Amino acid sequence: MDFRRVTVSTVPGEHGQVLPVSFTLDGMTVEVISVLDRWYEGGTPGRPVVAYFKVAGSDGRRFILRHATVFDAWGACGVD
């Protein structure tokens, strides 16, 4: 999967995590209609936590958003 850098607007979620509510990709803002799935990897020595969100966008497509928490950097790739 090729993730492209995106700007993401978030709201506070459970346990201090953030939830995406919209993101800007190629100059277009996409609202997150729903979070379909979420998972994490890392969190061990030498592997920072990376959070993944599979979301339904307001444009009718599905995306995977990736949040590298230690850098507060977001990426997106289209699922369909």
Protein backbone atom coordinates (compact mmCIF):
# COMPACT_ATOMS: atom_id res chain seq x y z
CA MET A 1 0.00 0.00 0.00
CA ASP A 2 1.24 3.44 -0.89
CA PHE A 3 0.27 6.02 1.72
CA ARG A 4 0.18 9.69 0.75
CA ARG A 5 0.60 12.45 3.30
CA VAL A 6 -2.67 14.07 4.33
CA THR A 7 -3.91 16.67 6.79
CA VAL A 8 -6.43 15.20 9.22
CA SER A 9 -8.93 16.88 11.56
CA THR A 10 -9.59 14.85 14.70
CA VAL A 11 -11.67 14.72 17.86
CA PRO A 12 -10.70 13.16 21.18
CA GLY A 13 -11.56 9.47 21.44
CA GLU A 14 -11.32 6.87 24.17
CA HIS A 15 -8.19 6.49 26.30
CA GLY A 16 -6.52 9.61 24.93
CA GLN A 17 -6.62 8.40 21.33
CA VAL A 18 -7.80 10.61 18.48
CA LEU A 19 -10.51 9.87 15.94
CA PRO A 20 -10.40 11.27 12.40
CA VAL A 21 -13.41 13.34 11.31
CA SER A 22 -12.11 14.68 7.97
CA PHE A 23 -8.96 14.78 5.89
CA THR A 24 -7.61 16.70 2.92
CA LEU A 25 -6.30 14.68 -0.03
CA ASP A 26 -5.19 16.30 -3.28
CA GLY A 27 -6.77 19.60 -2.20
CA MET A 28 -10.18 18.01 -1.57
CA THR A 29 -11.66 17.68 1.92
CA VAL A 30 -13.28 14.31 2.62
CA GLU A 31 -15.55 13.94 5.65
CA VAL A 32 -15.29 10.67 7.56
CA ILE A 33 -18.80 9.21 7.53
CA SER A 34 -17.85 6.27 9.75
CA VAL A 35 -14.86 4.38 11.11
CA LEU A 36 -15.31 0.84 9.78
CA ASP A 37 -12.33 -0.72 11.55
CA ARG A 38 -9.23 0.26 13.51
CA TRP A 39 -6.07 -1.48 14.56
CA TYR A 40 -2.60 -0.77 15.88
CA GLU A 41 0.93 -2.01 15.34
CA GLY A 42 4.16 -1.36 17.16
CA GLY A 43 4.33 -0.19 20.74
CA THR A 44 7.40 -2.27 21.52
CA PRO A 45 10.97 -1.03 22.01
CA GLY A 46 12.19 0.35 18.70
CA ARG A 47 8.72 0.28 17.11
CA PRO A 48 6.54 3.32 17.76
CA VAL A 49 2.77 2.94 17.81
CA VAL A 50 1.05 3.34 14.46
CA ALA A 51 -2.76 3.53 14.44
CA TYR A 52 -4.80 2.55 11.40
CA PHE A 53 -8.40 3.52 10.64
CA LYS A 54 -10.46 2.07 7.81
CA VAL A 55 -13.01 4.79 7.07
CA ALA A 56 -15.95 5.49 4.77
CA GLY A 57 -15.56 8.89 3.12
CA SER A 58 -18.19 11.41 2.11
CA ASP A 59 -17.13 10.89 -1.53
CA GLY A 60 -18.38 7.28 -1.43
CA ARG A 61 -14.90 5.74 -1.27
CA ARG A 62 -13.19 3.84 1.53
CA PHE A 63 -9.74 4.75 2.79
CA ILE A 64 -7.16 3.54 5.26
CA LEU A 65 -5.76 6.38 7.36
CA ARG A 66 -2.45 5.76 9.14
CA HIS A 67 -1.35 7.83 12.14
CA ALA A 68 2.28 7.63 13.26
CA THR A 69 1.63 8.90 16.77
CA VAL A 70 5.23 9.67 17.74
CA PHE A 71 5.51 12.09 14.77
CA ASP A 72 1.82 13.05 14.63
CA ALA A 73 2.02 12.29 10.90
CA TRP A 74 -0.94 11.04 8.87
CA GLY A 75 -1.10 9.14 5.60
CA ALA A 76 -3.97 7.85 3.46
CA CYS A 77 -4.48 5.26 0.78
CA GLY A 78 -7.65 4.46 -1.10
CA VAL A 79 -9.21 1.03 -0.66
CA ASP A 80 -11.75 1.48 -3.45
